[in-house]
Amino acid sequence: MRELKNSVRQILRQRRESMTPFERHEKSRTICSYVLELICDGETVMVYSSKEMEVNTLPIIKTLFKRGIPVVVPIIVRQDISLRLSYLNDLSVLVPSTFGVPEPIGNEIPAQAGDIHTIILPMLGFDRNGGRLGYGAGYYDRFLAKNQKIRKIGIAFGCQEAENLPVDENDIHMNFIVTEDGIVYSDWMC
């Protein structure tokens, strides 16, 4: 299964990297607008801070700030393959850290998983069954296995879709998957 997943990751990474910076920028803006329609006032939202090739989450974070919605970002802890959580009030505190991910190292404001209503996750790949393929280390899957009540929104570019992802019992399914084409998967009942 691991070899199959790695093979699929390679293909989907190449698809994503074949996009121009302009395409990534424009599609990211569209994706963010769809995601923001899913966020309600009064929520606390955990959102990843994006790297260059990923869907750019800065528009989401900036809009959540303007709406007064608390923002939490994950901090990667390599030693035990976990995520530490920090509130984010200022984008200027983000610095490239583990795997080049922007994190508020040295400016952390501790957050608790129990405070989070919605999480916005990066995806290397997805399918229309709610399947998510991450980067392979399992940071988010471990976190979500312990915090199952959090609503999960996976975001990716449409080119990262696979017909059927190789998933196993440790892979957490999304409640929503959003691309530049809109909400392409939802299992959330209000």
N, C-alpha and C. Protein backbone atom coordinates (compact mmCIF):
# COMPACT_ATOMS: atom_id res chain seq x y z
N MET A 1 0.84 -1.20 0.00
CA MET A 1 0.00 0.00 0.00
C MET A 1 0.88 1.26 0.00
N ARG A 2 1.96 1.23 0.79
CA ARG A 2 2.84 2.39 0.87
C ARG A 2 3.45 2.72 -0.49
N GLU A 3 3.89 1.70 -1.21
CA GLU A 3 4.48 1.93 -2.53
C GLU A 3 3.46 2.51 -3.50
N LEU A 4 2.23 2.00 -3.45
CA LEU A 4 1.18 2.51 -4.32
C LEU A 4 0.89 3.97 -3.99
N LYS A 5 0.78 4.29 -2.70
CA LYS A 5 0.53 5.67 -2.30
C LYS A 5 1.66 6.59 -2.77
N ASN A 6 2.89 6.15 -2.60
CA ASN A 6 4.02 6.98 -3.02
C ASN A 6 4.03 7.21 -4.53
N SER A 7 3.63 6.19 -5.28
CA SER A 7 3.53 6.32 -6.73
C SER A 7 2.47 7.36 -7.11
N VAL A 8 1.31 7.29 -6.44
CA VAL A 8 0.22 8.24 -6.69
C VAL A 8 0.66 9.65 -6.28
N ARG A 9 1.34 9.74 -5.15
CA ARG A 9 1.85 11.05 -4.70
C ARG A 9 2.74 11.69 -5.76
N GLN A 10 3.62 10.90 -6.32
CA GLN A 10 4.56 11.40 -7.34
C GLN A 10 3.78 11.97 -8.53
N ILE A 11 2.79 11.24 -9.00
CA ILE A 11 1.99 11.69 -10.15
C ILE A 11 1.25 12.99 -9.82
N LEU A 12 0.61 13.02 -8.65
CA LEU A 12 -0.18 14.19 -8.29
C LEU A 12 0.70 15.41 -8.00
N ARG A 13 1.88 15.18 -7.43
CA ARG A 13 2.82 16.27 -7.19
C ARG A 13 3.26 16.88 -8.53
N GLN A 14 3.54 16.01 -9.51
CA GLN A 14 3.94 16.50 -10.84
C GLN A 14 2.83 17.31 -11.49
N ARG A 15 1.59 16.86 -11.35
CA ARG A 15 0.46 17.62 -11.91
C ARG A 15 0.39 19.00 -11.29
N ARG A 16 0.50 19.05 -9.98
CA ARG A 16 0.41 20.33 -9.28
C ARG A 16 1.56 21.25 -9.68
N GLU A 17 2.76 20.68 -9.80
CA GLU A 17 3.93 21.49 -10.14
C GLU A 17 3.94 21.96 -11.58
N SER A 18 3.10 21.34 -12.42
CA SER A 18 3.03 21.77 -13.82
C SER A 18 2.20 23.05 -13.99
N MET A 19 1.51 23.46 -12.94
CA MET A 19 0.74 24.71 -13.01
C MET A 19 1.68 25.90 -12.95
N THR A 20 1.31 26.97 -13.62
CA THR A 20 2.10 28.20 -13.55
C THR A 20 1.79 28.91 -12.22
N PRO A 21 2.69 29.78 -11.77
CA PRO A 21 2.39 30.55 -10.56
C PRO A 21 1.09 31.36 -10.71
N PHE A 22 0.83 31.89 -11.88
CA PHE A 22 -0.40 32.65 -12.10
C PHE A 22 -1.63 31.75 -11.93
N GLU A 23 -1.58 30.54 -12.51
CA GLU A 23 -2.71 29.60 -12.35
C GLU A 23 -2.93 29.26 -10.88
N ARG A 24 -1.84 28.98 -10.16
CA ARG A 24 -1.97 28.65 -8.74
C ARG A 24 -2.58 29.81 -7.98
N HIS A 25 -2.15 31.03 -8.30
CA HIS A 25 -2.66 32.22 -7.62
C HIS A 25 -4.17 32.38 -7.87
N GLU A 26 -4.56 32.34 -9.13
CA GLU A 26 -5.97 32.54 -9.47
C GLU A 26 -6.86 31.44 -8.92
N LYS A 27 -6.41 30.19 -9.05
CA LYS A 27 -7.21 29.07 -8.54
C LYS A 27 -7.27 29.10 -7.02
N SER A 28 -6.19 29.51 -6.37
CA SER A 28 -6.20 29.63 -4.91
C SER A 28 -7.24 30.64 -4.45
N ARG A 29 -7.31 31.78 -5.13
CA ARG A 29 -8.30 32.80 -4.77
C ARG A 29 -9.72 32.25 -4.88
N THR A 30 -9.97 31.51 -5.94
CA THR A 30 -11.31 30.93 -6.14
C THR A 30 -11.61 29.90 -5.06
N ILE A 31 -10.66 29.02 -4.79
CA ILE A 31 -10.84 28.00 -3.75
C ILE A 31 -11.13 28.66 -2.41
N CYS A 32 -10.36 29.69 -2.07
CA CYS A 32 -10.55 30.38 -0.79
C CYS A 32 -11.93 30.98 -0.68
N SER A 33 -12.46 31.53 -1.77
CA SER A 33 -13.80 32.12 -1.71
C SER A 33 -14.85 31.06 -1.42
N TYR A 34 -14.71 29.88 -2.00
CA TYR A 34 -15.64 28.77 -1.71
C TYR A 34 -15.52 28.31 -0.26
N VAL A 35 -14.30 28.21 0.22
CA VAL A 35 -14.08 27.76 1.60
C VAL A 35 -14.70 28.74 2.59
N LEU A 36 -14.51 30.03 2.35
CA LEU A 36 -15.02 31.03 3.28
C LEU A 36 -16.54 31.00 3.40
N GLU A 37 -17.22 30.54 2.37
CA GLU A 37 -18.68 30.39 2.44
C GLU A 37 -19.09 29.30 3.43
N LEU A 38 -18.18 28.40 3.75
CA LEU A 38 -18.47 27.30 4.67
C LEU A 38 -18.20 27.65 6.13
N ILE A 39 -17.58 28.79 6.38
CA ILE A 39 -17.17 29.17 7.73
C ILE A 39 -18.22 30.10 8.34
N CYS A 40 -18.66 29.75 9.54
CA CYS A 40 -19.67 30.55 10.24
C CYS A 40 -19.03 31.41 11.32
N ASP A 41 -19.62 32.57 11.57
CA ASP A 41 -19.17 33.40 12.68
C ASP A 41 -19.33 32.59 13.97
N GLY A 42 -18.44 32.81 14.91
CA GLY A 42 -18.50 32.10 16.18
C GLY A 42 -17.66 30.82 16.20
N GLU A 43 -17.13 30.43 15.06
CA GLU A 43 -16.27 29.25 15.00
C GLU A 43 -14.84 29.62 15.34
N THR A 44 -14.06 28.62 15.69
CA THR A 44 -12.60 28.74 15.72
C THR A 44 -12.12 27.83 14.60
N VAL A 45 -11.25 28.35 13.74
CA VAL A 45 -10.83 27.63 12.55
C VAL A 45 -9.33 27.37 12.59
N MET A 46 -8.97 26.11 12.39
CA MET A 46 -7.57 25.75 12.23
C MET A 46 -7.29 25.67 10.74
N VAL A 47 -6.24 26.35 10.30
CA VAL A 47 -5.91 26.39 8.88
C VAL A 47 -4.39 26.29 8.73
N TYR A 48 -3.97 25.50 7.77
CA TYR A 48 -2.53 25.40 7.53
C TYR A 48 -2.03 26.67 6.86
N SER A 49 -0.80 27.04 7.15
CA SER A 49 -0.18 28.14 6.42
C SER A 49 0.60 27.51 5.27
N SER A 50 0.28 27.96 4.08
CA SER A 50 0.69 27.26 2.87
C SER A 50 2.14 27.52 2.46
N LYS A 51 2.66 26.50 1.77
CA LYS A 51 3.95 26.60 1.09
C LYS A 51 3.67 26.99 -0.36
N GLU A 52 4.72 27.24 -1.12
CA GLU A 52 4.59 27.80 -2.46
C GLU A 52 3.68 27.00 -3.40
N MET A 53 3.80 25.70 -3.48
CA MET A 53 3.05 24.92 -4.46
C MET A 53 1.63 24.59 -4.01
N GLU A 54 1.31 24.81 -2.74
CA GLU A 54 0.00 24.47 -2.22
C GLU A 54 -1.03 25.56 -2.52
N VAL A 55 -2.29 25.23 -2.29
CA VAL A 55 -3.33 26.26 -2.35
C VAL A 55 -2.95 27.32 -1.33
N ASN A 56 -2.87 28.56 -1.76
CA ASN A 56 -2.48 29.67 -0.90
C ASN A 56 -3.60 29.98 0.08
N THR A 57 -3.33 29.82 1.37
CA THR A 57 -4.36 30.04 2.39
C THR A 57 -4.35 31.45 2.97
N LEU A 58 -3.44 32.31 2.52
CA LEU A 58 -3.40 33.67 3.07
C LEU A 58 -4.74 34.42 2.92
N PRO A 59 -5.44 34.30 1.77
CA PRO A 59 -6.74 34.98 1.69
C PRO A 59 -7.74 34.48 2.73
N ILE A 60 -7.71 33.21 3.04
CA ILE A 60 -8.60 32.67 4.07
C ILE A 60 -8.24 33.28 5.42
N ILE A 61 -6.97 33.22 5.77
CA ILE A 61 -6.53 33.71 7.08
C ILE A 61 -6.85 35.19 7.23
N LYS A 62 -6.54 36.00 6.21
CA LYS A 62 -6.80 37.44 6.28
C LYS A 62 -8.29 37.74 6.44
N THR A 63 -9.12 37.00 5.72
CA THR A 63 -10.57 37.22 5.82
C THR A 63 -11.09 36.79 7.18
N LEU A 64 -10.58 35.69 7.72
CA LEU A 64 -11.00 35.27 9.06
C LEU A 64 -10.61 36.32 10.09
N PHE A 65 -9.42 36.90 9.96
CA PHE A 65 -9.02 37.99 10.85
C PHE A 65 -10.04 39.12 10.79
N LYS A 66 -10.40 39.54 9.56
CA LYS A 66 -11.34 40.65 9.38
C LYS A 66 -12.70 40.33 9.98
N ARG A 67 -13.12 39.07 9.89
CA ARG A 67 -14.42 38.66 10.43
C ARG A 67 -14.38 38.42 11.93
N GLY A 68 -13.21 38.53 12.54
CA GLY A 68 -13.09 38.31 13.98
C GLY A 68 -13.17 36.86 14.39
N ILE A 69 -12.88 35.96 13.45
CA ILE A 69 -12.92 34.52 13.72
C ILE A 69 -11.53 34.07 14.17
N PRO A 70 -11.43 33.43 15.35
CA PRO A 70 -10.13 32.98 15.83
C PRO A 70 -9.49 31.97 14.86
N VAL A 71 -8.20 32.17 14.60
CA VAL A 71 -7.44 31.33 13.69
C VAL A 71 -6.38 30.57 14.49
N VAL A 72 -6.31 29.26 14.26
CA VAL A 72 -5.29 28.41 14.85
C VAL A 72 -4.48 27.82 13.71
N VAL A 73 -3.16 27.76 13.89
CA VAL A 73 -2.30 27.12 12.91
C VAL A 73 -1.56 25.96 13.58
N PRO A 74 -1.27 24.93 12.78
CA PRO A 74 -0.51 23.80 13.33
C PRO A 74 0.99 24.07 13.28
N ILE A 75 1.68 23.50 14.25
CA ILE A 75 3.14 23.52 14.28
C ILE A 75 3.58 22.06 14.29
N ILE A 76 4.41 21.70 13.34
CA ILE A 76 4.83 20.31 13.17
C ILE A 76 5.87 19.95 14.24
N VAL A 77 5.61 18.84 14.94
CA VAL A 77 6.54 18.33 15.94
C VAL A 77 7.07 17.00 15.42
N ARG A 78 8.27 17.03 14.87
CA ARG A 78 8.85 15.84 14.23
C ARG A 78 9.14 14.72 15.22
N GLN A 79 9.54 15.07 16.44
CA GLN A 79 9.95 14.07 17.41
C GLN A 79 8.89 13.00 17.66
N ASP A 80 7.64 13.41 17.78
CA ASP A 80 6.58 12.42 18.03
C ASP A 80 5.51 12.42 16.93
N ILE A 81 5.82 12.99 15.80
CA ILE A 81 4.92 13.04 14.63
C ILE A 81 3.55 13.56 15.05
N SER A 82 3.55 14.74 15.67
CA SER A 82 2.29 15.32 16.12
C SER A 82 2.21 16.78 15.68
N LEU A 83 1.09 17.39 16.00
CA LEU A 83 0.89 18.80 15.72
C LEU A 83 0.68 19.54 17.04
N ARG A 84 1.40 20.63 17.22
CA ARG A 84 1.18 21.54 18.34
C ARG A 84 0.35 22.68 17.76
N LEU A 85 -0.51 23.26 18.54
CA LEU A 85 -1.42 24.28 18.03
C LEU A 85 -1.14 25.65 18.61
N SER A 86 -1.26 26.66 17.75
CA SER A 86 -1.07 28.04 18.19
C SER A 86 -2.10 28.94 17.54
N TYR A 87 -2.65 29.85 18.33
CA TYR A 87 -3.48 30.90 17.74
C TYR A 87 -2.57 31.79 16.91
N LEU A 88 -3.13 32.36 15.87
CA LEU A 88 -2.40 33.27 15.01
C LEU A 88 -3.16 34.58 14.94
N ASN A 89 -2.49 35.67 15.33
CA ASN A 89 -3.11 37.00 15.29
C ASN A 89 -2.41 37.94 14.32
N ASP A 90 -1.24 37.51 13.82
CA ASP A 90 -0.41 38.40 13.02
C ASP A 90 0.40 37.55 12.04
N LEU A 91 0.22 37.77 10.76
CA LEU A 91 0.93 36.99 9.75
C LEU A 91 2.44 37.20 9.78
N SER A 92 2.88 38.33 10.31
CA SER A 92 4.32 38.62 10.30
C SER A 92 5.12 37.68 11.21
N VAL A 93 4.47 36.94 12.09
CA VAL A 93 5.20 36.02 12.98
C VAL A 93 5.48 34.67 12.33
N LEU A 94 4.93 34.44 11.14
CA LEU A 94 5.15 33.17 10.46
C LEU A 94 6.55 33.14 9.83
N VAL A 95 7.30 32.09 10.15
CA VAL A 95 8.64 31.91 9.59
C VAL A 95 8.76 30.49 9.07
N PRO A 96 9.50 30.28 7.97
CA PRO A 96 9.67 28.91 7.47
C PRO A 96 10.29 28.02 8.54
N SER A 97 9.68 26.87 8.76
CA SER A 97 10.14 25.97 9.82
C SER A 97 10.23 24.55 9.25
N THR A 98 9.72 23.58 9.98
CA THR A 98 9.80 22.19 9.57
C THR A 98 9.19 22.00 8.18
N PHE A 99 9.91 21.32 7.29
CA PHE A 99 9.50 21.08 5.90
C PHE A 99 9.23 22.38 5.14
N GLY A 100 9.74 23.51 5.63
CA GLY A 100 9.52 24.80 4.98
C GLY A 100 8.16 25.40 5.24
N VAL A 101 7.40 24.81 6.15
CA VAL A 101 6.05 25.30 6.47
C VAL A 101 6.15 26.56 7.33
N PRO A 102 5.44 27.63 6.96
CA PRO A 102 5.45 28.84 7.79
C PRO A 102 4.74 28.57 9.13
N GLU A 103 5.44 28.83 10.23
CA GLU A 103 4.90 28.58 11.57
C GLU A 103 5.27 29.74 12.49
N PRO A 104 4.48 29.98 13.54
CA PRO A 104 4.76 31.09 14.45
C PRO A 104 5.79 30.72 15.54
N ILE A 105 6.92 30.18 15.13
CA ILE A 105 7.95 29.76 16.07
C ILE A 105 8.46 30.97 16.86
N GLY A 106 8.47 30.84 18.18
CA GLY A 106 8.91 31.93 19.04
C GLY A 106 7.81 32.93 19.36
N ASN A 107 6.68 32.80 18.71
CA ASN A 107 5.54 33.69 18.94
C ASN A 107 4.25 32.89 19.14
N GLU A 108 4.38 31.73 19.75
CA GLU A 108 3.23 30.85 19.90
C GLU A 108 2.26 31.36 20.97
N ILE A 109 0.98 31.16 20.68
CA ILE A 109 -0.10 31.41 21.63
C ILE A 109 -0.83 30.07 21.72
N PRO A 110 -0.55 29.26 22.75
CA PRO A 110 -1.07 27.89 22.81
C PRO A 110 -2.59 27.82 22.62
N ALA A 111 -2.99 26.85 21.83
CA ALA A 111 -4.41 26.59 21.56
C ALA A 111 -4.70 25.12 21.89
N GLN A 112 -5.95 24.84 22.15
CA GLN A 112 -6.39 23.48 22.47
C GLN A 112 -7.25 22.94 21.34
N ALA A 113 -7.07 21.67 21.03
CA ALA A 113 -7.84 21.03 19.96
C ALA A 113 -9.34 21.12 20.23
N GLY A 114 -9.74 21.06 21.48
CA GLY A 114 -11.16 21.11 21.83
C GLY A 114 -11.84 22.42 21.48
N ASP A 115 -11.05 23.47 21.23
CA ASP A 115 -11.62 24.77 20.87
C ASP A 115 -11.92 24.89 19.38
N ILE A 116 -11.42 23.95 18.59
CA ILE A 116 -11.51 24.06 17.13
C ILE A 116 -12.81 23.45 16.62
N HIS A 117 -13.51 24.20 15.79
CA HIS A 117 -14.74 23.72 15.15
C HIS A 117 -14.48 23.14 13.77
N THR A 118 -13.61 23.81 13.02
CA THR A 118 -13.33 23.45 11.63
C THR A 118 -11.83 23.46 11.38
N ILE A 119 -11.37 22.50 10.57
CA ILE A 119 -9.97 22.48 10.16
C ILE A 119 -9.91 22.50 8.64
N ILE A 120 -9.02 23.31 8.11
CA ILE A 120 -8.79 23.39 6.66
C ILE A 120 -7.43 22.75 6.41
N LEU A 121 -7.44 21.65 5.67
CA LEU A 121 -6.24 20.83 5.48
C LEU A 121 -5.70 20.88 4.06
N PRO A 122 -4.38 20.76 3.95
CA PRO A 122 -3.79 20.60 2.61
C PRO A 122 -3.98 19.17 2.14
N MET A 123 -4.01 18.99 0.83
CA MET A 123 -4.11 17.64 0.27
C MET A 123 -3.17 17.55 -0.92
N LEU A 124 -2.45 16.47 -0.99
CA LEU A 124 -1.65 16.22 -2.19
C LEU A 124 -2.55 15.59 -3.24
N GLY A 125 -3.57 14.87 -2.77
CA GLY A 125 -4.53 14.27 -3.68
C GLY A 125 -5.85 14.03 -2.98
N PHE A 126 -6.90 13.82 -3.79
CA PHE A 126 -8.23 13.55 -3.25
C PHE A 126 -9.02 12.76 -4.26
N ASP A 127 -10.11 12.16 -3.79
CA ASP A 127 -11.07 11.54 -4.70
C ASP A 127 -12.46 12.02 -4.33
N ARG A 128 -13.43 11.65 -5.12
CA ARG A 128 -14.81 12.14 -4.91
C ARG A 128 -15.56 11.32 -3.88
N ASN A 129 -14.83 10.51 -3.12
CA ASN A 129 -15.42 9.74 -2.03
C ASN A 129 -15.02 10.32 -0.68
N GLY A 130 -14.37 11.48 -0.68
CA GLY A 130 -13.92 12.10 0.56
C GLY A 130 -12.52 11.67 0.96
N GLY A 131 -11.87 10.87 0.12
CA GLY A 131 -10.52 10.42 0.43
C GLY A 131 -9.51 11.54 0.27
N ARG A 132 -8.54 11.53 1.16
CA ARG A 132 -7.47 12.54 1.15
C ARG A 132 -6.13 11.82 1.18
N LEU A 133 -5.24 12.26 0.32
CA LEU A 133 -3.87 11.77 0.33
C LEU A 133 -2.98 12.93 0.75
N GLY A 134 -2.30 12.75 1.89
CA GLY A 134 -1.40 13.78 2.39
C GLY A 134 0.01 13.53 1.89
N TYR A 135 0.96 14.08 2.60
CA TYR A 135 2.35 13.98 2.18
C TYR A 135 3.03 12.69 2.66
N GLY A 136 2.36 11.95 3.53
CA GLY A 136 2.87 10.63 3.89
C GLY A 136 3.30 10.42 5.32
N ALA A 137 3.47 11.47 6.09
CA ALA A 137 3.94 11.30 7.47
C ALA A 137 2.81 11.02 8.45
N GLY A 138 1.59 11.43 8.12
CA GLY A 138 0.43 11.14 8.97
C GLY A 138 0.16 12.13 10.08
N TYR A 139 0.75 13.31 10.03
CA TYR A 139 0.53 14.30 11.08
C TYR A 139 -0.95 14.62 11.26
N TYR A 140 -1.62 14.95 10.16
CA TYR A 140 -3.03 15.32 10.26
C TYR A 140 -3.91 14.13 10.59
N ASP A 141 -3.62 12.96 10.02
CA ASP A 141 -4.44 11.78 10.32
C ASP A 141 -4.37 11.44 11.81
N ARG A 142 -3.20 11.52 12.40
CA ARG A 142 -3.07 11.26 13.84
C ARG A 142 -3.85 12.29 14.65
N PHE A 143 -3.71 13.55 14.28
CA PHE A 143 -4.42 14.61 14.98
C PHE A 143 -5.93 14.41 14.89
N LEU A 144 -6.42 14.12 13.69
CA LEU A 144 -7.87 13.99 13.49
C LEU A 144 -8.43 12.72 14.11
N ALA A 145 -7.63 11.67 14.19
CA ALA A 145 -8.09 10.44 14.85
C ALA A 145 -8.39 10.71 16.33
N LYS A 146 -7.66 11.64 16.92
CA LYS A 146 -7.86 11.99 18.33
C LYS A 146 -8.93 13.07 18.51
N ASN A 147 -9.30 13.75 17.43
CA ASN A 147 -10.23 14.89 17.50
C ASN A 147 -11.29 14.74 16.42
N GLN A 148 -12.11 13.73 16.56
CA GLN A 148 -13.02 13.33 15.48
C GLN A 148 -14.20 14.27 15.27
N LYS A 149 -14.50 15.13 16.21
CA LYS A 149 -15.67 16.00 16.06
C LYS A 149 -15.40 17.25 15.23
N ILE A 150 -14.13 17.49 14.91
CA ILE A 150 -13.78 18.67 14.12
C ILE A 150 -14.23 18.47 12.67
N ARG A 151 -14.90 19.48 12.12
CA ARG A 151 -15.32 19.43 10.71
C ARG A 151 -14.10 19.61 9.83
N LYS A 152 -13.95 18.75 8.84
CA LYS A 152 -12.74 18.70 8.02
C LYS A 152 -13.01 19.17 6.60
N ILE A 153 -12.27 20.22 6.19
CA ILE A 153 -12.36 20.74 4.83
C ILE A 153 -11.00 20.57 4.17
N GLY A 154 -10.92 19.69 3.20
CA GLY A 154 -9.69 19.50 2.45
C GLY A 154 -9.72 20.38 1.21
N ILE A 155 -8.59 21.05 0.93
CA ILE A 155 -8.53 21.91 -0.25
C ILE A 155 -7.36 21.51 -1.13
N ALA A 156 -7.60 21.57 -2.44
CA ALA A 156 -6.58 21.21 -3.43
C ALA A 156 -7.01 21.78 -4.77
N PHE A 157 -6.08 21.73 -5.70
CA PHE A 157 -6.40 22.11 -7.07
C PHE A 157 -7.07 20.93 -7.76
N GLY A 158 -7.93 21.21 -8.73
CA GLY A 158 -8.65 20.16 -9.43
C GLY A 158 -7.74 19.12 -10.06
N CYS A 159 -6.55 19.53 -10.50
CA CYS A 159 -5.62 18.61 -11.13
C CYS A 159 -5.09 17.55 -10.16
N GLN A 160 -5.36 17.70 -8.87
CA GLN A 160 -4.88 16.77 -7.86
C GLN A 160 -5.90 15.65 -7.58
N GLU A 161 -6.94 15.60 -8.39
CA GLU A 161 -7.96 14.56 -8.20
C GLU A 161 -7.49 13.23 -8.77
N ALA A 162 -7.79 12.17 -8.05
CA ALA A 162 -7.56 10.80 -8.51
C ALA A 162 -8.91 10.09 -8.50
N GLU A 163 -9.09 9.16 -9.42
CA GLU A 163 -10.39 8.47 -9.48
C GLU A 163 -10.70 7.74 -8.18
N ASN A 164 -9.78 6.93 -7.72
CA ASN A 164 -9.91 6.24 -6.43
C ASN A 164 -8.55 6.20 -5.76
N LEU A 165 -8.43 6.93 -4.66
CA LEU A 165 -7.16 6.95 -3.95
C LEU A 165 -6.94 5.65 -3.20
N PRO A 166 -5.69 5.23 -3.07
CA PRO A 166 -5.40 4.10 -2.20
C PRO A 166 -5.45 4.58 -0.75
N VAL A 167 -6.50 4.22 -0.04
CA VAL A 167 -6.64 4.63 1.36
C VAL A 167 -6.70 3.40 2.25
N ASP A 168 -6.28 3.57 3.49
CA ASP A 168 -6.37 2.47 4.46
C ASP A 168 -7.10 2.95 5.70
N GLU A 169 -7.13 2.12 6.72
CA GLU A 169 -7.92 2.42 7.92
C GLU A 169 -7.39 3.62 8.69
N ASN A 170 -6.15 4.02 8.48
CA ASN A 170 -5.60 5.17 9.18
C ASN A 170 -5.88 6.49 8.48
N ASP A 171 -6.35 6.44 7.25
CA ASP A 171 -6.61 7.66 6.48
C ASP A 171 -7.98 8.23 6.85
N ILE A 172 -7.98 9.48 7.27
CA ILE A 172 -9.21 10.16 7.69
C ILE A 172 -9.88 10.78 6.47
N HIS A 173 -11.17 10.52 6.32
CA HIS A 173 -11.93 11.11 5.22
C HIS A 173 -12.36 12.54 5.56
N MET A 174 -12.52 13.34 4.54
CA MET A 174 -12.92 14.73 4.67
C MET A 174 -14.45 14.84 4.72
N ASN A 175 -14.92 15.92 5.35
CA ASN A 175 -16.35 16.23 5.31
C ASN A 175 -16.66 17.06 4.07
N PHE A 176 -15.69 17.87 3.64
CA PHE A 176 -15.81 18.66 2.42
C PHE A 176 -14.49 18.59 1.68
N ILE A 177 -14.56 18.58 0.36
CA ILE A 177 -13.39 18.78 -0.47
C ILE A 177 -13.72 19.92 -1.42
N VAL A 178 -12.82 20.91 -1.45
CA VAL A 178 -13.05 22.12 -2.23
C VAL A 178 -11.90 22.31 -3.20
N THR A 179 -12.24 22.57 -4.45
CA THR A 179 -11.26 22.92 -5.49
C THR A 179 -11.73 24.21 -6.15
N GLU A 180 -11.04 24.63 -7.20
CA GLU A 180 -11.47 25.81 -7.94
C GLU A 180 -12.82 25.60 -8.63
N ASP A 181 -13.27 24.34 -8.70
CA ASP A 181 -14.58 24.03 -9.28
C ASP A 181 -15.70 24.09 -8.25
N GLY A 182 -15.37 24.39 -7.00
CA GLY A 182 -16.37 24.47 -5.94
C GLY A 182 -16.24 23.31 -4.96
N ILE A 183 -17.34 23.02 -4.28
CA ILE A 183 -17.38 21.90 -3.34
C ILE A 183 -17.60 20.64 -4.18
N VAL A 184 -16.59 19.81 -4.28
CA VAL A 184 -16.69 18.61 -5.13
C VAL A 184 -17.04 17.37 -4.33
N TYR A 185 -17.03 17.49 -2.98
CA TYR A 185 -17.46 16.40 -2.12
C TYR A 185 -17.98 16.99 -0.82
N SER A 186 -19.09 16.43 -0.33
CA SER A 186 -19.62 16.84 0.97
C SER A 186 -20.40 15.68 1.57
N ASP A 187 -20.16 15.43 2.85
CA ASP A 187 -20.96 14.46 3.57
C ASP A 187 -21.52 15.09 4.86
N TRP A 188 -21.43 16.40 4.93
CA TRP A 188 -21.80 17.12 6.15
C TRP A 188 -23.30 17.39 6.17
N MET A 189 -23.92 16.99 7.26
CA MET A 189 -25.35 17.25 7.45
C MET A 189 -25.50 18.32 8.53
N CYS A 190 -26.25 19.37 8.22
CA CYS A 190 -26.46 20.44 9.21
C CYS A 190 -27.59 20.06 10.15
